[in-house]
Amino acid sequence: MDLSIKNTTREQRKEIVKNALAISITGTDFPSDKVLKIVKEYVDGISEIEEVQKKIIALYKKGGEHNG
């Protein structure tokens, strides 16, 4: 499935993010404000899903996911 901004509506992107966040918090803490800000970039059509994924992985690798 093509999840690019040009092939999804804002509502579809919200659902994609909602589902991904639901899976990600299973057994863990709620995502930080930084993570939520990054995924909002995809919902708002600013950053493609691949870029969002890279940003979140980089954030977790440097340990910044719990710094709100």
C-alpha atoms as a PDB file:
ATOM      1  CA  MET A   1       0.000   0.000   0.000  1.00  0.00           C
ATOM      2  CA  ASP A   2       1.313   3.430  -0.938  1.00  0.00           C
ATOM      3  CA  LEU A   3       1.195   5.584   2.199  1.00  0.00           C
ATOM      4  CA  SER A   4       2.716   8.656   0.566  1.00  0.00           C
ATOM      5  CA  ILE A   5       1.155  12.020   1.231  1.00  0.00           C
ATOM      6  CA  LYS A   6      -0.041  12.399  -2.356  1.00  0.00           C
ATOM      7  CA  ASN A   7      -1.917   9.084  -2.179  1.00  0.00           C
ATOM      8  CA  THR A   8      -3.562   9.517   1.229  1.00  0.00           C
ATOM      9  CA  THR A   9      -5.970  11.974   2.777  1.00  0.00           C
ATOM     10  CA  ARG A  10      -5.330  13.670   6.099  1.00  0.00           C
ATOM     11  CA  GLU A  11      -7.981  11.429   7.678  1.00  0.00           C
ATOM     12  CA  GLN A  12      -6.301   8.298   6.292  1.00  0.00           C
ATOM     13  CA  ARG A  13      -2.950   9.455   7.664  1.00  0.00           C
ATOM     14  CA  LYS A  14      -4.553  10.062  11.077  1.00  0.00           C
ATOM     15  CA  GLU A  15      -5.855   6.485  11.080  1.00  0.00           C
ATOM     16  CA  ILE A  16      -2.476   5.105  10.004  1.00  0.00           C
ATOM     17  CA  VAL A  17      -0.757   6.992  12.828  1.00  0.00           C
ATOM     18  CA  LYS A  18      -3.431   6.016  15.349  1.00  0.00           C
ATOM     19  CA  ASN A  19      -3.017   2.342  14.498  1.00  0.00           C
ATOM     20  CA  ALA A  20       0.779   2.537  14.581  1.00  0.00           C
ATOM     21  CA  LEU A  21       0.768   4.313  17.959  1.00  0.00           C
ATOM     22  CA  ALA A  22      -1.673   1.765  19.384  1.00  0.00           C
ATOM     23  CA  ILE A  23       0.689  -1.021  18.407  1.00  0.00           C
ATOM     24  CA  SER A  24       3.768   0.832  19.652  1.00  0.00           C
ATOM     25  CA  ILE A  25       2.438   1.439  23.167  1.00  0.00           C
ATOM     26  CA  THR A  26       1.502  -2.175  23.822  1.00  0.00           C
ATOM     27  CA  GLY A  27       3.438  -2.947  26.984  1.00  0.00           C
ATOM     28  CA  THR A  28       5.350   0.333  26.997  1.00  0.00           C
ATOM     29  CA  ASP A  29       4.950   3.978  27.933  1.00  0.00           C
ATOM     30  CA  PHE A  30       2.878   6.383  25.862  1.00  0.00           C
ATOM     31  CA  PRO A  31       4.946   8.028  23.085  1.00  0.00           C
ATOM     32  CA  SER A  32       6.756  11.204  24.069  1.00  0.00           C
ATOM     33  CA  ASP A  33       5.721  14.656  22.925  1.00  0.00           C
ATOM     34  CA  LYS A  34       8.690  14.595  20.519  1.00  0.00           C
ATOM     35  CA  VAL A  35       7.425  11.409  18.857  1.00  0.00           C
ATOM     36  CA  LEU A  36       3.889  12.764  18.632  1.00  0.00           C
ATOM     37  CA  LYS A  37       5.196  15.986  17.061  1.00  0.00           C
ATOM     38  CA  ILE A  38       7.112  13.987  14.463  1.00  0.00           C
ATOM     39  CA  VAL A  39       4.135  11.793  13.503  1.00  0.00           C
ATOM     40  CA  LYS A  40       1.944  14.897  13.253  1.00  0.00           C
ATOM     41  CA  GLU A  41       4.235  16.018  10.415  1.00  0.00           C
ATOM     42  CA  TYR A  42       2.981  13.013   8.427  1.00  0.00           C
ATOM     43  CA  VAL A  43      -0.666  13.596   9.332  1.00  0.00           C
ATOM     44  CA  ASP A  44      -0.339  17.239   8.288  1.00  0.00           C
ATOM     45  CA  GLY A  45       1.305  16.289   4.981  1.00  0.00           C
ATOM     46  CA  ILE A  46       4.681  17.822   5.826  1.00  0.00           C
ATOM     47  CA  SER A  47       6.922  14.725   5.955  1.00  0.00           C
ATOM     48  CA  GLU A  48       6.567  11.394   4.182  1.00  0.00           C
ATOM     49  CA  ILE A  49       6.151   8.287   6.323  1.00  0.00           C
ATOM     50  CA  GLU A  50       9.696   7.103   5.527  1.00  0.00           C
ATOM     51  CA  GLU A  51      11.174  10.367   6.836  1.00  0.00           C
ATOM     52  CA  VAL A  52       9.016  10.169   9.965  1.00  0.00           C
ATOM     53  CA  GLN A  53      10.226   6.626  10.569  1.00  0.00           C
ATOM     54  CA  LYS A  54      13.876   7.690  10.190  1.00  0.00           C
ATOM     55  CA  LYS A  55      13.399  10.605  12.598  1.00  0.00           C
ATOM     56  CA  ILE A  56      11.768   8.421  15.259  1.00  0.00           C
ATOM     57  CA  ILE A  57      14.393   5.688  14.948  1.00  0.00           C
ATOM     58  CA  ALA A  58      17.146   8.299  15.288  1.00  0.00           C
ATOM     59  CA  LEU A  59      15.396   9.776  18.328  1.00  0.00           C
ATOM     60  CA  TYR A  60      15.190   6.379  20.041  1.00  0.00           C
ATOM     61  CA  LYS A  61      18.789   5.500  19.133  1.00  0.00           C
ATOM     62  CA  LYS A  62      20.065   8.617  20.879  1.00  0.00           C
ATOM     63  CA  GLY A  63      17.770   8.067  23.860  1.00  0.00           C
ATOM     64  CA  GLY A  64      15.667  11.189  23.346  1.00  0.00           C
ATOM     65  CA  GLU A  65      12.268   9.520  23.268  1.00  0.00           C
ATOM     66  CA  HIS A  66      11.617  10.084  26.975  1.00  0.00           C
ATOM     67  CA  ASN A  67      12.576  13.744  27.077  1.00  0.00           C
ATOM     68  CA  GLY A  68       9.051  15.029  26.252  1.00  0.00           C
END
